[in-house]
N, C-alpha and C. Protein backbone atom coordinates (compact mmCIF):
# COMPACT_ATOMS: atom_id res chain seq x y z
N SER A 1 0.82 -1.16 0.01
CA SER A 1 -0.04 0.02 -0.04
C SER A 1 0.87 1.24 0.00
N SER A 2 0.23 2.38 -0.26
CA SER A 2 1.06 3.58 -0.33
C SER A 2 1.67 3.90 1.08
N ASN A 3 0.91 3.65 2.09
CA ASN A 3 1.44 3.85 3.47
C ASN A 3 2.56 2.93 3.88
N SER A 4 2.64 1.79 3.18
CA SER A 4 3.72 0.80 3.53
C SER A 4 5.05 1.43 3.30
N PHE A 5 5.03 2.38 2.38
CA PHE A 5 6.40 2.95 1.97
C PHE A 5 6.85 3.92 3.08
N ARG A 6 6.08 4.29 3.91
CA ARG A 6 6.49 5.12 5.12
C ARG A 6 7.48 4.36 5.96
N ARG A 7 7.51 3.08 5.90
CA ARG A 7 8.43 2.24 6.66
C ARG A 7 9.80 2.16 5.98
N VAL A 8 9.92 2.56 4.79
CA VAL A 8 11.18 2.39 3.93
C VAL A 8 12.00 3.75 4.06
N GLY A 9 13.24 3.63 4.49
CA GLY A 9 14.11 4.74 4.52
C GLY A 9 15.13 4.66 5.63
N ARG A 10 16.02 5.59 5.59
CA ARG A 10 17.10 5.59 6.62
C ARG A 10 16.55 5.74 7.98
N GLY A 11 17.04 4.92 8.88
CA GLY A 11 16.57 5.05 10.33
C GLY A 11 15.23 4.24 10.60
N CYS A 12 14.70 3.56 9.67
CA CYS A 12 13.37 2.85 9.81
C CYS A 12 13.59 1.38 10.12
N TRP A 13 14.76 0.92 10.07
CA TRP A 13 15.09 -0.54 10.30
C TRP A 13 14.53 -1.49 9.31
N THR A 14 14.21 -0.93 8.19
CA THR A 14 13.72 -1.89 7.05
C THR A 14 14.63 -1.81 5.83
N GLY A 15 15.46 -0.80 5.82
CA GLY A 15 16.44 -0.67 4.75
C GLY A 15 15.92 0.41 3.72
N HIS A 16 16.91 0.85 2.99
CA HIS A 16 16.59 1.93 2.05
C HIS A 16 17.37 1.67 0.70
N SER A 17 18.16 0.60 0.61
CA SER A 17 18.86 0.42 -0.59
C SER A 17 18.85 -1.16 -0.92
N VAL A 18 19.27 -1.52 -2.19
CA VAL A 18 19.34 -2.87 -2.58
C VAL A 18 20.56 -3.44 -2.00
N SER A 19 20.44 -4.08 -0.87
CA SER A 19 21.68 -4.56 -0.16
C SER A 19 21.32 -5.61 0.82
N TRP A 20 22.33 -6.25 1.44
CA TRP A 20 22.25 -7.22 2.55
C TRP A 20 23.47 -7.02 3.39
N ASN A 21 23.40 -7.44 4.63
CA ASN A 21 24.51 -7.46 5.61
C ASN A 21 24.20 -8.34 6.69
N THR A 22 25.20 -8.60 7.57
CA THR A 22 25.07 -9.45 8.80
C THR A 22 24.77 -8.52 9.94
N GLU A 23 23.85 -8.83 10.73
CA GLU A 23 23.60 -8.05 11.99
C GLU A 23 23.46 -6.56 11.80
N ASP A 24 22.87 -6.14 10.61
CA ASP A 24 22.65 -4.74 10.37
C ASP A 24 21.25 -4.38 10.24
N LYS A 25 20.69 -3.77 11.34
CA LYS A 25 19.26 -3.51 11.41
C LYS A 25 18.73 -2.60 10.35
N GLU A 26 19.73 -1.84 9.69
CA GLU A 26 19.30 -0.90 8.63
C GLU A 26 19.32 -1.60 7.26
N SER A 27 19.69 -2.85 7.20
CA SER A 27 19.73 -3.57 5.91
C SER A 27 18.40 -4.20 5.69
N PRO A 28 17.90 -4.11 4.40
CA PRO A 28 16.64 -4.79 4.18
C PRO A 28 16.66 -6.29 4.15
N LEU A 29 17.83 -6.85 3.95
CA LEU A 29 18.09 -8.32 4.04
C LEU A 29 19.13 -8.56 5.06
N ARG A 30 18.72 -9.07 6.21
CA ARG A 30 19.69 -9.18 7.36
C ARG A 30 19.94 -10.64 7.62
N VAL A 31 21.32 -11.00 7.73
CA VAL A 31 21.67 -12.34 8.16
C VAL A 31 22.05 -12.23 9.60
N CYS A 32 21.26 -13.06 10.46
CA CYS A 32 21.49 -12.95 11.84
C CYS A 32 22.56 -14.10 12.17
N LEU A 33 23.44 -13.75 13.11
CA LEU A 33 24.43 -14.67 13.61
C LEU A 33 24.27 -15.20 15.00
N ASP A 34 24.62 -16.35 15.32
CA ASP A 34 24.64 -16.95 16.63
C ASP A 34 25.70 -16.18 17.45
N LEU A 35 25.35 -15.68 18.67
CA LEU A 35 26.34 -14.93 19.41
C LEU A 35 27.53 -15.71 19.84
N GLU A 36 27.32 -16.98 20.04
CA GLU A 36 28.43 -17.83 20.57
C GLU A 36 29.40 -18.33 19.39
N SER A 37 28.68 -18.93 18.44
CA SER A 37 29.49 -19.57 17.34
C SER A 37 29.82 -18.64 16.18
N GLY A 38 29.07 -17.53 15.93
CA GLY A 38 29.20 -16.68 14.84
C GLY A 38 28.53 -17.20 13.57
N GLU A 39 27.90 -18.41 13.63
CA GLU A 39 27.33 -19.06 12.54
C GLU A 39 26.00 -18.33 12.21
N ALA A 40 25.75 -18.31 10.85
CA ALA A 40 24.40 -17.78 10.41
C ALA A 40 23.25 -18.64 10.91
N THR A 41 22.28 -18.02 11.56
CA THR A 41 21.16 -18.81 12.12
C THR A 41 19.89 -18.53 11.36
N ASN A 42 19.61 -17.39 10.74
CA ASN A 42 18.46 -17.06 9.91
C ASN A 42 18.62 -15.80 9.22
N VAL A 43 17.68 -15.67 8.24
CA VAL A 43 17.75 -14.45 7.39
C VAL A 43 16.44 -13.80 7.56
N GLU A 44 16.46 -12.43 7.70
CA GLU A 44 15.26 -11.57 7.84
C GLU A 44 15.03 -10.76 6.53
N LEU A 45 13.93 -10.90 5.94
CA LEU A 45 13.57 -9.91 4.86
C LEU A 45 12.64 -8.89 5.54
N LYS A 46 13.16 -7.70 5.68
CA LYS A 46 12.45 -6.71 6.51
C LYS A 46 11.62 -5.68 5.78
N LEU A 47 11.52 -5.87 4.48
CA LEU A 47 10.70 -4.87 3.73
C LEU A 47 9.22 -5.22 3.65
N SER A 48 8.90 -6.41 4.07
CA SER A 48 7.48 -6.70 4.01
C SER A 48 6.67 -6.18 5.17
N ASP A 49 5.38 -6.03 4.99
CA ASP A 49 4.53 -5.63 6.05
C ASP A 49 3.19 -6.41 5.82
N SER A 50 2.21 -6.13 6.60
CA SER A 50 0.98 -6.95 6.68
C SER A 50 0.14 -6.60 5.48
N MET A 51 0.40 -5.60 4.70
CA MET A 51 -0.34 -5.23 3.56
C MET A 51 0.08 -6.05 2.30
N ALA A 52 1.08 -6.80 2.40
CA ALA A 52 1.53 -7.63 1.22
C ALA A 52 0.66 -8.82 1.06
N ASN A 53 0.50 -9.25 -0.19
CA ASN A 53 -0.09 -10.49 -0.42
C ASN A 53 1.01 -11.56 -0.20
N ILE A 54 0.77 -12.37 0.82
CA ILE A 54 1.82 -13.21 1.32
C ILE A 54 2.15 -14.34 0.31
N TYR A 55 1.20 -14.71 -0.48
CA TYR A 55 1.48 -15.72 -1.51
C TYR A 55 2.32 -15.22 -2.68
N LEU A 56 2.04 -13.98 -3.08
CA LEU A 56 2.91 -13.32 -4.14
C LEU A 56 4.34 -13.00 -3.57
N GLU A 57 4.31 -12.61 -2.35
CA GLU A 57 5.61 -12.24 -1.70
C GLU A 57 6.47 -13.50 -1.68
N ILE A 58 5.94 -14.55 -1.00
CA ILE A 58 6.80 -15.81 -0.89
C ILE A 58 7.21 -16.32 -2.30
N ALA A 59 6.22 -16.28 -3.21
CA ALA A 59 6.56 -16.72 -4.59
C ALA A 59 7.67 -15.96 -5.20
N SER A 60 7.64 -14.60 -4.96
CA SER A 60 8.66 -13.78 -5.52
C SER A 60 10.03 -14.07 -4.94
N VAL A 61 10.09 -14.26 -3.65
CA VAL A 61 11.40 -14.44 -3.09
C VAL A 61 11.95 -15.76 -3.57
N LEU A 62 11.09 -16.91 -3.59
CA LEU A 62 11.59 -18.17 -4.07
C LEU A 62 12.02 -18.08 -5.59
N LEU A 63 11.19 -17.50 -6.42
CA LEU A 63 11.53 -17.29 -7.86
C LEU A 63 12.81 -16.60 -8.04
N ALA A 64 12.99 -15.51 -7.28
CA ALA A 64 14.33 -14.73 -7.43
C ALA A 64 15.49 -15.64 -6.97
N GLY A 65 15.28 -16.40 -5.86
CA GLY A 65 16.32 -17.23 -5.46
C GLY A 65 16.72 -18.35 -6.43
N LEU A 66 15.64 -18.94 -6.96
CA LEU A 66 15.83 -20.05 -7.99
C LEU A 66 16.53 -19.43 -9.21
N ASP A 67 16.08 -18.29 -9.63
CA ASP A 67 16.76 -17.63 -10.83
C ASP A 67 18.28 -17.48 -10.57
N GLY A 68 18.61 -17.01 -9.40
CA GLY A 68 20.03 -16.86 -9.13
C GLY A 68 20.77 -18.17 -9.11
N ILE A 69 20.19 -19.15 -8.54
CA ILE A 69 20.80 -20.58 -8.54
C ILE A 69 20.95 -21.12 -9.95
N GLN A 70 19.81 -20.97 -10.82
CA GLN A 70 19.95 -21.57 -12.13
C GLN A 70 20.93 -20.80 -12.97
N LYS A 71 21.11 -19.55 -12.78
CA LYS A 71 22.06 -18.72 -13.50
C LYS A 71 23.45 -18.75 -12.90
N ASN A 72 23.56 -19.40 -11.75
CA ASN A 72 24.85 -19.56 -11.08
C ASN A 72 25.41 -18.13 -10.79
N LEU A 73 24.49 -17.27 -10.32
CA LEU A 73 24.90 -15.86 -9.99
C LEU A 73 25.74 -15.84 -8.75
N LYS A 74 26.57 -14.88 -8.53
CA LYS A 74 27.41 -14.73 -7.35
C LYS A 74 26.58 -13.67 -6.40
N LEU A 75 26.62 -13.89 -5.13
CA LEU A 75 25.97 -12.97 -4.23
C LEU A 75 26.84 -11.69 -4.19
N ARG A 76 26.08 -10.65 -4.27
CA ARG A 76 26.88 -9.34 -4.23
C ARG A 76 27.48 -9.24 -2.75
N PRO A 77 28.53 -8.48 -2.70
CA PRO A 77 29.19 -8.36 -1.32
C PRO A 77 28.20 -7.71 -0.34
N ALA A 78 28.41 -7.98 0.90
CA ALA A 78 27.62 -7.37 1.94
C ALA A 78 27.86 -5.85 1.86
N GLN A 79 26.83 -5.08 2.21
CA GLN A 79 26.92 -3.60 2.14
C GLN A 79 26.81 -2.93 3.44
N ASN A 80 27.84 -2.21 3.78
CA ASN A 80 27.76 -1.34 5.00
C ASN A 80 28.21 0.03 4.72
N GLU A 81 27.22 0.90 4.53
CA GLU A 81 27.50 2.29 4.11
C GLU A 81 28.37 2.99 5.09
N GLU A 82 28.24 2.75 6.40
CA GLU A 82 29.05 3.45 7.38
C GLU A 82 30.53 3.09 7.29
N GLU A 83 30.80 1.75 6.95
CA GLU A 83 32.18 1.35 6.87
C GLU A 83 32.79 1.54 5.46
N ASP A 84 31.90 1.29 4.45
CA ASP A 84 32.32 1.41 3.08
C ASP A 84 32.34 2.84 2.50
N GLY A 85 31.45 3.62 3.01
CA GLY A 85 31.23 4.91 2.49
C GLY A 85 30.54 4.91 1.07
N VAL A 86 30.09 3.84 0.66
CA VAL A 86 29.40 3.65 -0.64
C VAL A 86 27.93 3.23 -0.47
N SER A 87 27.05 3.86 -1.23
CA SER A 87 25.69 3.49 -1.11
C SER A 87 25.25 2.68 -2.26
N ALA A 88 24.45 1.65 -1.92
CA ALA A 88 23.80 0.81 -3.00
C ALA A 88 22.76 1.45 -3.63
N ASP A 89 22.18 0.92 -4.79
CA ASP A 89 21.08 1.49 -5.40
C ASP A 89 19.93 1.62 -4.44
N PRO A 90 19.24 2.75 -4.56
CA PRO A 90 18.14 2.98 -3.60
C PRO A 90 16.87 2.19 -3.97
N LEU A 91 16.14 1.86 -2.96
CA LEU A 91 14.82 1.09 -3.19
C LEU A 91 13.72 2.18 -3.52
N PRO A 92 12.79 1.78 -4.19
CA PRO A 92 11.57 2.68 -4.47
C PRO A 92 11.09 3.31 -3.12
N THR A 93 10.73 4.57 -3.28
CA THR A 93 10.19 5.18 -2.03
C THR A 93 8.75 5.41 -1.98
N THR A 94 8.08 5.17 -3.19
CA THR A 94 6.55 5.31 -3.28
C THR A 94 6.02 4.02 -4.01
N LEU A 95 4.76 3.81 -3.81
CA LEU A 95 4.10 2.76 -4.51
C LEU A 95 4.26 2.89 -6.03
N ASN A 96 4.06 4.15 -6.57
CA ASN A 96 4.16 4.42 -7.95
C ASN A 96 5.57 4.05 -8.47
N GLU A 97 6.55 4.37 -7.73
CA GLU A 97 8.00 4.03 -8.12
C GLU A 97 8.14 2.56 -8.16
N ALA A 98 7.63 1.81 -7.21
CA ALA A 98 7.81 0.41 -7.16
C ALA A 98 7.03 -0.24 -8.32
N LEU A 99 5.79 0.31 -8.68
CA LEU A 99 5.04 -0.29 -9.79
C LEU A 99 5.83 -0.01 -11.10
N GLU A 100 6.36 1.11 -11.24
CA GLU A 100 7.16 1.42 -12.46
C GLU A 100 8.35 0.40 -12.55
N ALA A 101 9.04 0.15 -11.49
CA ALA A 101 10.21 -0.75 -11.50
C ALA A 101 9.60 -2.15 -11.87
N PHE A 102 8.49 -2.56 -11.29
CA PHE A 102 7.83 -3.81 -11.55
C PHE A 102 7.57 -3.96 -13.02
N GLN A 103 6.90 -2.91 -13.64
CA GLN A 103 6.58 -2.88 -15.09
C GLN A 103 7.78 -3.03 -15.97
N ASN A 104 8.87 -2.49 -15.56
CA ASN A 104 10.02 -2.48 -16.37
C ASN A 104 10.90 -3.72 -16.22
N ASP A 105 10.51 -4.65 -15.36
CA ASP A 105 11.28 -5.88 -15.11
C ASP A 105 10.59 -7.09 -15.87
N ASP A 106 11.23 -7.54 -16.86
CA ASP A 106 10.72 -8.66 -17.74
C ASP A 106 10.74 -9.97 -17.00
N PHE A 107 11.59 -10.03 -15.97
CA PHE A 107 11.69 -11.31 -15.22
C PHE A 107 10.33 -11.77 -14.62
N TRP A 108 9.69 -10.78 -14.00
CA TRP A 108 8.37 -10.94 -13.34
C TRP A 108 7.29 -11.32 -14.34
N LYS A 109 7.33 -10.60 -15.54
CA LYS A 109 6.34 -10.96 -16.55
C LYS A 109 6.48 -12.32 -16.98
N ARG A 110 7.75 -12.77 -17.20
CA ARG A 110 7.93 -14.19 -17.61
C ARG A 110 7.59 -15.15 -16.57
N GLU A 111 7.92 -14.85 -15.32
CA GLU A 111 7.71 -15.91 -14.28
C GLU A 111 6.33 -15.95 -13.73
N ILE A 112 5.62 -14.90 -13.57
CA ILE A 112 4.24 -15.06 -13.05
C ILE A 112 3.18 -14.80 -14.08
N GLY A 113 3.61 -14.44 -15.25
CA GLY A 113 2.79 -14.35 -16.46
C GLY A 113 2.35 -12.93 -16.73
N GLU A 114 2.12 -12.69 -17.96
CA GLU A 114 1.70 -11.30 -18.42
C GLU A 114 0.34 -10.86 -17.81
N ALA A 115 -0.59 -11.78 -17.72
CA ALA A 115 -1.93 -11.36 -17.29
C ALA A 115 -1.88 -10.96 -15.80
N LEU A 116 -1.23 -11.79 -14.93
CA LEU A 116 -1.17 -11.49 -13.52
C LEU A 116 -0.40 -10.26 -13.39
N SER A 117 0.72 -10.06 -14.06
CA SER A 117 1.60 -8.87 -13.94
C SER A 117 0.73 -7.59 -14.22
N ARG A 118 0.03 -7.64 -15.39
CA ARG A 118 -0.83 -6.52 -15.82
C ARG A 118 -1.91 -6.22 -14.83
N ASN A 119 -2.59 -7.28 -14.41
CA ASN A 119 -3.74 -7.09 -13.44
C ASN A 119 -3.19 -6.47 -12.11
N TYR A 120 -2.02 -6.96 -11.67
CA TYR A 120 -1.47 -6.49 -10.38
C TYR A 120 -1.14 -4.95 -10.48
N VAL A 121 -0.63 -4.61 -11.64
CA VAL A 121 -0.24 -3.18 -11.84
C VAL A 121 -1.54 -2.33 -11.92
N VAL A 122 -2.52 -2.87 -12.64
CA VAL A 122 -3.81 -2.03 -12.74
C VAL A 122 -4.37 -1.89 -11.26
N LEU A 123 -4.48 -2.94 -10.60
CA LEU A 123 -5.09 -2.91 -9.24
C LEU A 123 -4.36 -1.97 -8.36
N ARG A 124 -3.03 -2.12 -8.21
CA ARG A 124 -2.15 -1.27 -7.38
C ARG A 124 -2.10 0.19 -7.89
N SER A 125 -2.19 0.38 -9.15
CA SER A 125 -2.18 1.75 -9.56
C SER A 125 -3.48 2.47 -9.18
N ALA A 126 -4.64 1.80 -9.22
CA ALA A 126 -5.85 2.35 -8.85
C ALA A 126 -5.74 2.63 -7.35
N GLU A 127 -5.13 1.74 -6.57
CA GLU A 127 -4.95 1.92 -5.17
C GLU A 127 -4.18 3.21 -4.90
N ALA A 128 -3.07 3.36 -5.63
CA ALA A 128 -2.20 4.50 -5.48
C ALA A 128 -2.87 5.76 -5.79
N ALA A 129 -3.77 5.79 -6.77
CA ALA A 129 -4.54 6.93 -7.17
C ALA A 129 -5.53 7.31 -6.10
N LEU A 130 -6.16 6.32 -5.42
CA LEU A 130 -7.13 6.58 -4.49
C LEU A 130 -6.70 6.78 -3.06
N SER A 131 -5.55 6.31 -2.76
CA SER A 131 -5.08 6.20 -1.41
C SER A 131 -4.69 7.61 -0.89
N ARG A 132 -4.89 7.78 0.38
CA ARG A 132 -4.52 9.02 1.04
C ARG A 132 -3.48 8.64 2.12
N THR A 133 -2.56 9.40 2.27
CA THR A 133 -1.63 9.19 3.42
C THR A 133 -2.26 9.54 4.69
N ILE A 134 -1.64 9.10 5.75
CA ILE A 134 -2.09 9.35 7.08
C ILE A 134 -2.05 10.89 7.39
N GLU A 135 -1.00 11.57 6.83
CA GLU A 135 -0.91 12.91 7.04
C GLU A 135 -1.98 13.70 6.36
N GLU A 136 -2.52 13.29 5.09
CA GLU A 136 -3.57 13.92 4.52
C GLU A 136 -4.88 13.73 5.40
N GLU A 137 -5.05 12.58 5.88
CA GLU A 137 -6.25 12.31 6.63
C GLU A 137 -6.32 13.11 7.96
N VAL A 138 -5.12 13.23 8.61
CA VAL A 138 -5.03 13.98 9.87
C VAL A 138 -5.31 15.51 9.53
N ILE A 139 -4.74 15.99 8.48
CA ILE A 139 -4.98 17.43 8.10
C ILE A 139 -6.48 17.71 7.79
N ASP A 140 -7.09 16.76 7.08
CA ASP A 140 -8.52 16.95 6.85
C ASP A 140 -9.29 16.87 8.10
N ALA A 141 -9.04 15.92 8.95
CA ALA A 141 -9.75 15.90 10.22
C ALA A 141 -9.61 17.10 11.10
N TYR A 142 -8.38 17.58 11.13
CA TYR A 142 -8.08 18.84 11.88
C TYR A 142 -8.79 20.01 11.33
N GLN A 143 -8.85 20.14 9.97
CA GLN A 143 -9.54 21.26 9.35
C GLN A 143 -11.14 21.14 9.58
N LYS A 144 -11.61 19.99 9.70
CA LYS A 144 -13.07 19.79 9.91
C LYS A 144 -13.49 19.97 11.34
N ALA A 145 -12.47 19.89 12.27
CA ALA A 145 -12.76 20.00 13.72
C ALA A 145 -13.01 21.35 14.13
């Protein structure tokens, strides 16, 4: 949803760039380590929220992972802006930006189909056009009071 993007950005603990890291709460994909052994114990995908379609979300993560395995892609290096001083590509900051990136990505059209891709964009674009942010609702309520 449009308001889901309020959670994305610096200092929100969900991430703001296309990156991963270990034990970095600012990274959108965080690998957690066992305190005693230093071994990886789990991975957190922190960009999701309760407004996501869980079936499409899980399918997307699995399809992207399988694509990387099939193409024998190498994992990009862990990103730590504070240590490296280099910023990774930014994530979309609005629903419209995310829909534009989705529409320009042939991978998803191929994997989930043209019809589902098109219908998803139509539905979410209508949502973006109709949605109001919390700030707009608060301003309206204040002005009516």
